[in-house]
PDB file of N, CA and C in Angstrom:
ATOM      1  N   UNK A   1      10.684-115.693 -97.970  1.00  0.00           N
ATOM      2  CA  UNK A   1       9.843-116.776 -96.399  1.00  0.00           C
ATOM      3  C   UNK A   1      11.983-117.291 -96.431  1.00  0.00           C
ATOM      4  N   UNK A   2      12.143-117.342 -96.441  1.00  0.00           N
ATOM      5  CA  UNK A   2      14.128-117.754 -96.415  1.00  0.00           C
ATOM      6  C   UNK A   2      13.092-119.265 -95.009  1.00  0.00           C
ATOM      7  N   UNK A   3      13.601-120.321 -95.711  1.00  0.00           N
ATOM      8  CA  UNK A   3      13.072-121.396 -94.926  1.00  0.00           C
ATOM      9  C   UNK A   3      13.892-121.582 -93.777  1.00  0.00           C
ATOM     10  N   UNK A   4      14.259-123.039 -92.851  1.00  0.00           N
ATOM     11  CA  UNK A   4      14.772-122.845 -91.574  1.00  0.00           C
ATOM     12  C   UNK A   4      15.812-123.202 -91.156  1.00  0.00           C
ATOM     13  N   UNK A   5      16.927-122.616 -91.165  1.00  0.00           N
ATOM     14  CA  UNK A   5      18.366-123.649 -91.170  1.00  0.00           C
ATOM     15  C   UNK A   5      18.472-124.194 -90.731  1.00  0.00           C
ATOM     16  N   UNK A   6      19.362-125.673 -91.025  1.00  0.00           N
ATOM     17  CA  UNK A   6      19.741-127.001 -90.111  1.00  0.00           C
ATOM     18  C   UNK A   6      21.334-126.513 -89.406  1.00  0.00           C
ATOM     19  N   UNK A   7      20.998-126.152 -88.088  1.00  0.00           N
ATOM     20  CA  UNK A   7      22.611-125.651 -88.078  1.00  0.00           C
ATOM     21  C   UNK A   7      23.441-126.340 -87.961  1.00  0.00           C
ATOM     22  N   UNK A   8      22.756-128.121 -88.332  1.00  0.00           N
ATOM     23  CA  UNK A   8      24.319-128.831 -87.529  1.00  0.00           C
ATOM     24  C   UNK A   8      23.647-129.244 -89.507  1.00  0.00           C
ATOM     25  N   UNK A   9      24.355-128.601 -90.168  1.00  0.00           N
ATOM     26  CA  UNK A   9      24.665-128.547 -92.095  1.00  0.00           C
ATOM     27  C   UNK A   9      25.768-127.100 -92.066  1.00  0.00           C
ATOM     28  N   UNK A  10      26.362-127.093 -91.451  1.00  0.00           N
ATOM     29  CA  UNK A  10      26.927-125.817 -91.610  1.00  0.00           C
ATOM     30  C   UNK A  10      28.373-126.088 -91.026  1.00  0.00           C
ATOM     31  N   UNK A  11      29.533-125.878 -91.500  1.00  0.00           N
ATOM     32  CA  UNK A  11      30.307-125.793 -91.530  1.00  0.00           C
ATOM     33  C   UNK A  11      31.076-125.432 -90.062  1.00  0.00           C
ATOM     34  N   UNK A  12      31.752-126.114 -89.376  1.00  0.00           N
ATOM     35  CA  UNK A  12      33.315-125.192 -88.635  1.00  0.00           C
ATOM     36  C   UNK A  12      33.829-123.952 -89.357  1.00  0.00           C
ATOM     37  N   UNK A  13      33.884-124.545 -90.169  1.00  0.00           N
ATOM     38  CA  UNK A  13      34.827-123.596 -91.114  1.00  0.00           C
ATOM     39  C   UNK A  13      34.119-122.179 -91.429  1.00  0.00           C
ATOM     40  N   UNK A  14      32.792-122.521 -90.926  1.00  0.00           N
ATOM     41  CA  UNK A  14      31.689-121.628 -92.005  1.00  0.00           C
ATOM     42  C   UNK A  14      31.042-120.382 -90.851  1.00  0.00           C
ATOM     43  N   UNK A  15      31.429-121.155 -89.334  1.00  0.00           N
ATOM     44  CA  UNK A  15      30.310-120.597 -87.797  1.00  0.00           C
ATOM     45  C   UNK A  15      32.462-119.956 -87.783  1.00  0.00           C
ATOM     46  N   UNK A  16      33.684-120.021 -87.730  1.00  0.00           N
ATOM     47  CA  UNK A  16      34.741-119.633 -88.081  1.00  0.00           C
ATOM     48  C   UNK A  16      34.479-117.758 -88.991  1.00  0.00           C
ATOM     49  N   UNK A  17      34.324-118.654 -90.261  1.00  0.00           N
ATOM     50  CA  UNK A  17      33.539-117.308 -91.585  1.00  0.00           C
ATOM     51  C   UNK A  17      33.310-116.167 -90.438  1.00  0.00           C
ATOM     52  N   UNK A  18      32.000-116.660 -89.737  1.00  0.00           N
ATOM     53  CA  UNK A  18      30.800-115.891 -89.839  1.00  0.00           C
ATOM     54  C   UNK A  18      31.313-115.038 -88.308  1.00  0.00           C
ATOM     55  N   UNK A  19      31.982-115.770 -87.503  1.00  0.00           N
ATOM     56  CA  UNK A  19      32.030-115.595 -86.208  1.00  0.00           C
ATOM     57  C   UNK A  19      33.395-113.802 -86.466  1.00  0.00           C
ATOM     58  N   UNK A  20      34.551-113.588 -87.492  1.00  0.00           N
ATOM     59  CA  UNK A  20      34.943-113.406 -87.518  1.00  0.00           C
ATOM     60  C   UNK A  20      34.180-111.988 -88.499  1.00  0.00           C
ATOM     61  N   UNK A  21      33.647-112.203 -89.031  1.00  0.00           N
ATOM     62  CA  UNK A  21      32.305-111.430 -90.429  1.00  0.00           C
ATOM     63  C   UNK A  21      31.685-110.386 -88.461  1.00  0.00           C
ATOM     64  N   UNK A  22      31.186-111.078 -88.466  1.00  0.00           N
ATOM     65  CA  UNK A  22      30.408-110.891 -87.275  1.00  0.00           C
ATOM     66  C   UNK A  22      30.911-108.462 -86.263  1.00  0.00           C
ATOM     67  N   UNK A  23      32.625-108.778 -85.698  1.00  0.00           N
ATOM     68  CA  UNK A  23      32.873-107.009 -85.470  1.00  0.00           C
ATOM     69  C   UNK A  23      32.701-105.712 -86.489  1.00  0.00           C
ATOM     70  N   UNK A  24      33.215-106.799 -87.955  1.00  0.00           N
ATOM     71  CA  UNK A  24      33.405-105.283 -88.387  1.00  0.00           C
ATOM     72  C   UNK A  24      32.092-105.072 -89.140  1.00  0.00           C
ATOM     73  N   UNK A  25      31.646-106.073 -88.953  1.00  0.00           N
ATOM     74  CA  UNK A  25      30.335-106.232 -90.357  1.00  0.00           C
ATOM     75  C   UNK A  25      29.205-104.382 -88.484  1.00  0.00           C
ATOM     76  N   UNK A  26      29.304-106.031 -88.152  1.00  0.00           N
ATOM     77  CA  UNK A  26      28.263-105.209 -86.317  1.00  0.00           C
ATOM     78  C   UNK A  26      28.822-103.700 -86.126  1.00  0.00           C
ATOM     79  N   UNK A  27      29.938-103.379 -86.403  1.00  0.00           N
ATOM     80  CA  UNK A  27      30.578-101.414 -86.330  1.00  0.00           C
ATOM     81  C   UNK A  27      30.160-101.051 -86.962  1.00  0.00           C
ATOM     82  N   UNK A  28      30.154-101.916 -88.337  1.00  0.00           N
ATOM     83  CA  UNK A  28      29.046-100.672 -89.331  1.00  0.00           C
ATOM     84  C   UNK A  28      27.553-100.436 -89.967  1.00  0.00           C
ATOM     85  N   UNK A  29      26.786-101.433 -88.696  1.00  0.00           N
ATOM     86  CA  UNK A  29      25.360-101.452 -88.703  1.00  0.00           C
ATOM     87  C   UNK A  29      25.806-100.540 -87.844  1.00  0.00           C
ATOM     88  N   UNK A  30      25.624-100.460 -86.063  1.00  0.00           N
ATOM     89  CA  UNK A  30      25.949 -99.361 -86.113  1.00  0.00           C
ATOM     90  C   UNK A  30      26.330 -97.631 -85.982  1.00  0.00           C
ATOM     91  N   UNK A  31      27.180 -97.584 -87.504  1.00  0.00           N
ATOM     92  CA  UNK A  31      27.031 -96.451 -87.373  1.00  0.00           C
ATOM     93  C   UNK A  31      26.005 -95.360 -87.978  1.00  0.00           C
ATOM     94  N   UNK A  32      26.453 -94.215 -87.095  1.00  0.00           N
ATOM     95  CA  UNK A  32      25.022 -93.564 -87.838  1.00  0.00           C
ATOM     96  C   UNK A  32      25.374 -92.903 -89.035  1.00  0.00           C
ATOM     97  N   UNK A  33      26.241 -92.546 -90.172  1.00  0.00           N
ATOM     98  CA  UNK A  33      26.853 -92.293 -90.830  1.00  0.00           C
ATOM     99  C   UNK A  33      27.571 -93.031 -91.195  1.00  0.00           C
ATOM    100  N   UNK A  34      27.989 -94.105 -92.624  1.00  0.00           N
ATOM    101  CA  UNK A  34      28.249 -94.817 -93.426  1.00  0.00           C
ATOM    102  C   UNK A  34      28.871 -93.381 -94.379  1.00  0.00           C
ATOM    103  N   UNK A  35      29.868 -94.014 -94.685  1.00  0.00           N
ATOM    104  CA  UNK A  35      30.213 -94.169 -96.852  1.00  0.00           C
ATOM    105  C   UNK A  35      30.644 -95.658 -96.714  1.00  0.00           C
ATOM    106  N   UNK A  36      31.081 -94.476 -98.334  1.00  0.00           N
ATOM    107  CA  UNK A  36      31.220 -96.494 -98.543  1.00  0.00           C
ATOM    108  C   UNK A  36      32.701 -96.797 -98.984  1.00  0.00           C
ATOM    109  N   UNK A  37      33.541 -95.134 -98.240  1.00  0.00           N
ATOM    110  CA  UNK A  37      34.801 -96.133 -98.314  1.00  0.00           C
ATOM    111  C   UNK A  37      34.980 -97.056 -96.552  1.00  0.00           C
ATOM    112  N   UNK A  38      33.538 -96.305 -95.665  1.00  0.00           N
ATOM    113  CA  UNK A  38      33.690 -96.934 -95.062  1.00  0.00           C
ATOM    114  C   UNK A  38      33.611 -98.921 -94.862  1.00  0.00           C
ATOM    115  N   UNK A  39      32.931 -99.412 -95.440  1.00  0.00           N
ATOM    116  CA  UNK A  39      32.265-101.193 -96.572  1.00  0.00           C
ATOM    117  C   UNK A  39      34.180-100.641 -96.786  1.00  0.00           C
ATOM    118  N   UNK A  40      34.309-100.009 -97.531  1.00  0.00           N
ATOM    119  CA  UNK A  40      35.887-100.566 -98.276  1.00  0.00           C
ATOM    120  C   UNK A  40      36.693-101.341 -97.430  1.00  0.00           C
ATOM    121  N   UNK A  41      36.734-100.567 -96.430  1.00  0.00           N
ATOM    122  CA  UNK A  41      37.912-100.880 -95.208  1.00  0.00           C
ATOM    123  C   UNK A  41      37.556-101.611 -94.667  1.00  0.00           C
ATOM    124  N   UNK A  42      35.400-101.934 -94.010  1.00  0.00           N
ATOM    125  CA  UNK A  42      35.826-103.640 -93.987  1.00  0.00           C
ATOM    126  C   UNK A  42      35.509-104.712 -94.230  1.00  0.00           C
ATOM    127  N   UNK A  43      34.975-104.168 -96.079  1.00  0.00           N
ATOM    128  CA  UNK A  43      35.917-105.400 -97.018  1.00  0.00           C
ATOM    129  C   UNK A  43      37.100-105.389 -96.513  1.00  0.00           C
ATOM    130  N   UNK A  44      38.210-105.388 -96.840  1.00  0.00           N
ATOM    131  CA  UNK A  44      38.816-105.174 -97.190  1.00  0.00           C
ATOM    132  C   UNK A  44      39.784-105.956 -95.704  1.00  0.00           C
ATOM    133  N   UNK A  45      38.740-106.059 -94.102  1.00  0.00           N
ATOM    134  CA  UNK A  45      39.155-106.005 -93.175  1.00  0.00           C
ATOM    135  C   UNK A  45      37.817-108.053 -92.648  1.00  0.00           C
ATOM    136  N   UNK A  46      37.383-108.296 -94.176  1.00  0.00           N
ATOM    137  CA  UNK A  46      36.908-109.847 -94.061  1.00  0.00           C
ATOM    138  C   UNK A  46      37.258-110.525 -94.864  1.00  0.00           C
ATOM    139  N   UNK A  47      37.745-109.513 -95.659  1.00  0.00           N
ATOM    140  CA  UNK A  47      38.082-110.353 -96.757  1.00  0.00           C
ATOM    141  C   UNK A  47      37.863-110.533 -98.091  1.00  0.00           C
ATOM    142  N   UNK A  48      36.263-109.462 -99.097  1.00  0.00           N
ATOM    143  CA  UNK A  48      34.755-109.244 -99.293  1.00  0.00           C
ATOM    144  C   UNK A  48      35.072-107.827-100.007  1.00  0.00           C
ATOM    145  N   UNK A  49      34.410-108.287-101.770  1.00  0.00           N
ATOM    146  CA  UNK A  49      34.201-106.843-101.414  1.00  0.00           C
ATOM    147  C   UNK A  49      34.086-106.313-101.006  1.00  0.00           C
ATOM    148  N   UNK A  50      32.984-105.414-102.267  1.00  0.00           N
ATOM    149  CA  UNK A  50      32.729-104.562-101.364  1.00  0.00           C
ATOM    150  C   UNK A  50      31.234-104.354-101.913  1.00  0.00           C
ATOM    151  N   UNK A  51      30.600-105.117-102.969  1.00  0.00           N
ATOM    152  CA  UNK A  51      29.242-105.258-102.612  1.00  0.00           C
ATOM    153  C   UNK A  51      28.140-106.255-101.932  1.00  0.00           C
ATOM    154  N   UNK A  52      29.727-107.357-101.224  1.00  0.00           N
ATOM    155  CA  UNK A  52      28.754-108.258-100.823  1.00  0.00           C
ATOM    156  C   UNK A  52      28.870-108.463 -99.183  1.00  0.00           C
ATOM    157  N   UNK A  53      30.015-107.024 -99.314  1.00  0.00           N
ATOM    158  CA  UNK A  53      30.017-106.418 -97.501  1.00  0.00           C
ATOM    159  C   UNK A  53      28.768-105.696 -97.696  1.00  0.00           C
ATOM    160  N   UNK A  54      28.107-105.009 -98.854  1.00  0.00           N
ATOM    161  CA  UNK A  54      26.632-104.355 -98.442  1.00  0.00           C
ATOM    162  C   UNK A  54      26.002-105.816 -98.536  1.00  0.00           C
ATOM    163  N   UNK A  55      25.920-106.421 -99.500  1.00  0.00           N
ATOM    164  CA  UNK A  55      24.920-108.176 -99.000  1.00  0.00           C
ATOM    165  C   UNK A  55      25.209-108.307 -97.048  1.00  0.00           C
ATOM    166  N   UNK A  56      25.704-108.591 -96.518  1.00  0.00           N
ATOM    167  CA  UNK A  56      26.522-108.556 -96.276  1.00  0.00           C
ATOM    168  C   UNK A  56      25.944-108.216 -94.112  1.00  0.00           C
ATOM    169  N   UNK A  57      26.200-107.005 -94.653  1.00  0.00           N
ATOM    170  CA  UNK A  57      25.528-105.665 -93.988  1.00  0.00           C
ATOM    171  C   UNK A  57      23.294-105.678 -94.058  1.00  0.00           C
ATOM    172  N   UNK A  58      23.204-105.384 -95.136  1.00  0.00           N
ATOM    173  CA  UNK A  58      21.990-105.821 -95.409  1.00  0.00           C
ATOM    174  C   UNK A  58      21.228-107.172 -93.964  1.00  0.00           C
ATOM    175  N   UNK A  59      21.856-108.285 -94.623  1.00  0.00           N
ATOM    176  CA  UNK A  59      21.666-109.506 -94.025  1.00  0.00           C
ATOM    177  C   UNK A  59      21.311-109.487 -92.534  1.00  0.00           C
ATOM    178  N   UNK A  60      22.948-108.648 -91.796  1.00  0.00           N
ATOM    179  CA  UNK A  60      22.398-108.311 -90.495  1.00  0.00           C
ATOM    180  C   UNK A  60      22.134-107.341 -89.907  1.00  0.00           C
ATOM    181  N   UNK A  61      21.582-106.421 -90.868  1.00  0.00           N
ATOM    182  CA  UNK A  61      20.292-105.879 -90.372  1.00  0.00           C
ATOM    183  C   UNK A  61      18.963-106.258 -90.202  1.00  0.00           C
ATOM    184  N   UNK A  62      18.796-106.688 -90.975  1.00  0.00           N
ATOM    185  CA  UNK A  62      17.624-107.529 -91.106  1.00  0.00           C
ATOM    186  C   UNK A  62      17.206-108.290 -90.697  1.00  0.00           C
ATOM    187  N   UNK A  63      18.638-109.197 -89.398  1.00  0.00           N
ATOM    188  CA  UNK A  63      18.605-109.519 -88.458  1.00  0.00           C
ATOM    189  C   UNK A  63      18.872-110.032 -87.916  1.00  0.00           C
ATOM    190  N   UNK A  64      19.771-109.337 -87.122  1.00  0.00           N
ATOM    191  CA  UNK A  64      21.190-109.175 -86.444  1.00  0.00           C
ATOM    192  C   UNK A  64      21.381-110.254 -86.154  1.00  0.00           C
ATOM    193  N   UNK A  65      22.642-111.545 -85.620  1.00  0.00           N
ATOM    194  CA  UNK A  65      22.428-112.494 -85.594  1.00  0.00           C
ATOM    195  C   UNK A  65      23.351-113.136 -86.151  1.00  0.00           C
ATOM    196  N   UNK A  66      24.097-113.732 -85.819  1.00  0.00           N
ATOM    197  CA  UNK A  66      25.508-115.043 -85.980  1.00  0.00           C
ATOM    198  C   UNK A  66      25.816-115.073 -87.357  1.00  0.00           C
ATOM    199  N   UNK A  67      24.005-115.905 -87.916  1.00  0.00           N
ATOM    200  CA  UNK A  67      23.565-117.144 -88.279  1.00  0.00           C
ATOM    201  C   UNK A  67      23.977-115.920 -89.955  1.00  0.00           C
ATOM    202  N   UNK A  68      23.079-114.648 -90.030  1.00  0.00           N
ATOM    203  CA  UNK A  68      23.322-113.636 -91.023  1.00  0.00           C
ATOM    204  C   UNK A  68      24.180-112.923 -91.740  1.00  0.00           C
ATOM    205  N   UNK A  69      25.679-113.815 -91.377  1.00  0.00           N
ATOM    206  CA  UNK A  69      26.643-114.069 -91.639  1.00  0.00           C
ATOM    207  C   UNK A  69      27.989-114.594 -92.326  1.00  0.00           C
ATOM    208  N   UNK A  70      26.895-116.005 -92.477  1.00  0.00           N
ATOM    209  CA  UNK A  70      26.967-117.051 -92.820  1.00  0.00           C
ATOM    210  C   UNK A  70      27.247-117.101 -94.216  1.00  0.00           C
ATOM    211  N   UNK A  71      28.252-117.038 -95.232  1.00  0.00           N
ATOM    212  CA  UNK A  71      28.552-117.654 -95.786  1.00  0.00           C
ATOM    213  C   UNK A  71      27.598-118.163 -97.233  1.00  0.00           C
ATOM    214  N   UNK A  72      27.481-117.459 -97.952  1.00  0.00           N
ATOM    215  CA  UNK A  72      26.442-118.247 -98.965  1.00  0.00           C
ATOM    216  C   UNK A  72      26.101-119.347-100.105  1.00  0.00           C
ATOM    217  N   UNK A  73      25.705-120.018-100.170  1.00  0.00           N
ATOM    218  CA  UNK A  73      25.785-121.711-100.682  1.00  0.00           C
ATOM    219  C   UNK A  73      25.506-121.410-102.572  1.00  0.00           C
ATOM    220  N   UNK A  74      25.434-121.367-103.404  1.00  0.00           N
ATOM    221  CA  UNK A  74      25.597-121.310-104.410  1.00  0.00           C
ATOM    222  C   UNK A  74      24.823-122.078-105.122  1.00  0.00           C
ATOM    223  N   UNK A  75      23.228-123.068-105.496  1.00  0.00           N
ATOM    224  CA  UNK A  75      23.011-123.339-105.811  1.00  0.00           C
ATOM    225  C   UNK A  75      22.393-123.987-107.355  1.00  0.00           C
ATOM    226  N   UNK A  76      23.049-124.294-108.227  1.00  0.00           N
ATOM    227  CA  UNK A  76      23.527-124.875-109.938  1.00  0.00           C
ATOM    228  C   UNK A  76      22.087-124.582-110.555  1.00  0.00           C
ATOM    229  N   UNK A  77      21.271-125.540-109.351  1.00  0.00           N
ATOM    230  CA  UNK A  77      20.055-126.623-109.593  1.00  0.00           C
ATOM    231  C   UNK A  77      18.957-125.198-109.892  1.00  0.00           C
ATOM    232  N   UNK A  78      19.354-124.070-108.976  1.00  0.00           N
ATOM    233  CA  UNK A  78      18.227-122.896-109.567  1.00  0.00           C
ATOM    234  C   UNK A  78      18.426-122.038-109.872  1.00  0.00           C
ATOM    235  N   UNK A  79      18.435-122.058-111.363  1.00  0.00           N
ATOM    236  CA  UNK A  79      19.131-120.903-112.186  1.00  0.00           C
ATOM    237  C   UNK A  79      20.043-120.604-111.581  1.00  0.00           C
ATOM    238  N   UNK A  80      21.689-121.474-110.810  1.00  0.00           N
ATOM    239  CA  UNK A  80      22.239-120.336-110.624  1.00  0.00           C
ATOM    240  C   UNK A  80      22.397-119.140-109.562  1.00  0.00           C
ATOM    241  N   UNK A  81      20.420-119.405-108.798  1.00  0.00           N
ATOM    242  CA  UNK A  81      20.449-118.826-108.229  1.00  0.00           C
ATOM    243  C   UNK A  81      21.287-118.496-106.530  1.00  0.00           C
ATOM    244  N   UNK A  82      22.111-117.376-106.279  1.00  0.00           N
ATOM    245  CA  UNK A  82      22.507-118.308-104.666  1.00  0.00           C
ATOM    246  C   UNK A  82      21.651-118.151-103.657  1.00  0.00           C
ATOM    247  N   UNK A  83      21.877-118.739-102.874  1.00  0.00           N
ATOM    248  CA  UNK A  83      21.154-118.635-101.318  1.00  0.00           C
ATOM    249  C   UNK A  83      22.037-118.143-100.829  1.00  0.00           C
ATOM    250  N   UNK A  84      21.477-118.382 -99.348  1.00  0.00           N
ATOM    251  CA  UNK A  84      22.556-118.202 -98.283  1.00  0.00           C
ATOM    252  C   UNK A  84      21.875-118.774 -96.264  1.00  0.00           C
ATOM    253  N   UNK A  85      22.707-119.301 -95.668  1.00  0.00           N
ATOM    254  CA  UNK A  85      22.056-119.495 -94.626  1.00  0.00           C
ATOM    255  C   UNK A  85      21.265-118.538 -93.271  1.00  0.00           C
ATOM    256  N   UNK A  86      20.753-118.217 -93.821  1.00  0.00           N
ATOM    257  CA  UNK A  86      19.814-117.588 -92.247  1.00  0.00           C
ATOM    258  C   UNK A  86      18.853-117.019 -92.867  1.00  0.00           C
ATOM    259  N   UNK A  87      18.216-115.538 -92.464  1.00  0.00           N
ATOM    260  CA  UNK A  87      17.205-114.545 -92.663  1.00  0.00           C
ATOM    261  C   UNK A  87      17.516-113.765 -93.961  1.00  0.00           C
ATOM    262  N   UNK A  88      17.141-112.859 -94.392  1.00  0.00           N
ATOM    263  CA  UNK A  88      16.794-112.109 -95.394  1.00  0.00           C
ATOM    264  C   UNK A  88      18.079-112.192 -96.362  1.00  0.00           C
ATOM    265  N   UNK A  89      18.509-113.150 -97.547  1.00  0.00           N
ATOM    266  CA  UNK A  89      18.835-113.986 -98.315  1.00  0.00           C
ATOM    267  C   UNK A  89      19.023-112.951 -99.316  1.00  0.00           C
ATOM    268  N   UNK A  90      17.776-112.422 -99.681  1.00  0.00           N
ATOM    269  CA  UNK A  90      16.877-111.469-100.502  1.00  0.00           C
ATOM    270  C   UNK A  90      17.360-109.984-100.400  1.00  0.00           C
ATOM    271  N   UNK A  91      18.685-109.652-100.223  1.00  0.00           N
ATOM    272  CA  UNK A  91      18.903-108.957-100.375  1.00  0.00           C
ATOM    273  C   UNK A  91      19.230-107.045-101.224  1.00  0.00           C
ATOM    274  N   UNK A  92      19.228-107.287-102.881  1.00  0.00           N
ATOM    275  CA  UNK A  92      19.144-106.627-103.509  1.00  0.00           C
ATOM    276  C   UNK A  92      18.725-105.282-103.142  1.00  0.00           C
ATOM    277  N   UNK A  93      16.947-105.056-102.660  1.00  0.00           N
ATOM    278  CA  UNK A  93      16.776-104.472-102.362  1.00  0.00           C
ATOM    279  C   UNK A  93      16.849-103.589-101.286  1.00  0.00           C
ATOM    280  N   UNK A  94      18.188-103.836-100.762  1.00  0.00           N
ATOM    281  CA  UNK A  94      18.494-103.643 -99.556  1.00  0.00           C
ATOM    282  C   UNK A  94      19.751-103.140 -98.626  1.00  0.00           C
ATOM    283  N   UNK A  95      20.748-103.736 -99.962  1.00  0.00           N
ATOM    284  CA  UNK A  95      21.730-102.612-101.168  1.00  0.00           C
ATOM    285  C   UNK A  95      21.203-101.358-101.519  1.00  0.00           C
ATOM    286  N   UNK A  96      20.411-101.952-102.083  1.00  0.00           N
ATOM    287  CA  UNK A  96      20.029-100.332-102.066  1.00  0.00           C
ATOM    288  C   UNK A  96      19.564 -99.518-101.766  1.00  0.00           C
ATOM    289  N   UNK A  97      19.070 -99.242-101.186  1.00  0.00           N
ATOM    290  CA  UNK A  97      19.066 -98.371 -99.888  1.00  0.00           C
ATOM    291  C   UNK A  97      20.032 -97.515 -98.535  1.00  0.00           C
ATOM    292  N   UNK A  98      20.647 -99.226 -98.965  1.00  0.00           N
ATOM    293  CA  UNK A  98      21.908 -98.298 -97.990  1.00  0.00           C
ATOM    294  C   UNK A  98      22.912 -98.325 -98.792  1.00  0.00           C
ATOM    295  N   UNK A  99      23.759 -97.561-100.030  1.00  0.00           N
ATOM    296  CA  UNK A  99      24.598 -97.134 -99.734  1.00  0.00           C
ATOM    297  C   UNK A  99      23.825 -95.831-100.913  1.00  0.00           C
ATOM    298  N   UNK A 100      25.273 -95.158-100.823  1.00  0.00           N
ATOM    299  CA  UNK A 100      25.322 -93.841 -99.901  1.00  0.00           C
ATOM    300  C   UNK A 100      24.650 -92.684-101.530  1.00  0.00           C
TER     301      UNK A 100
END
């Protein structure tokens, strides 16, 4: 279970990045059929890798809200695992299900 987000700790730059991602990820989420090429094009548009774009898509599908698209922050103390603002941060199983 993901801890509640302290929205006051999210920087304006992170909010801007999430807003920039929203239209692109929302379009992918609404697609009834999406190919790896669709995801690759979306990745290019938002400046992420294809893998990261699948992660974003999985997070958005799990919780279709802007906070799902906030950038992840690394936690070195937690054995270099990454944690994300918002729900759906553990996406490996979801990402695998989304790949063609």
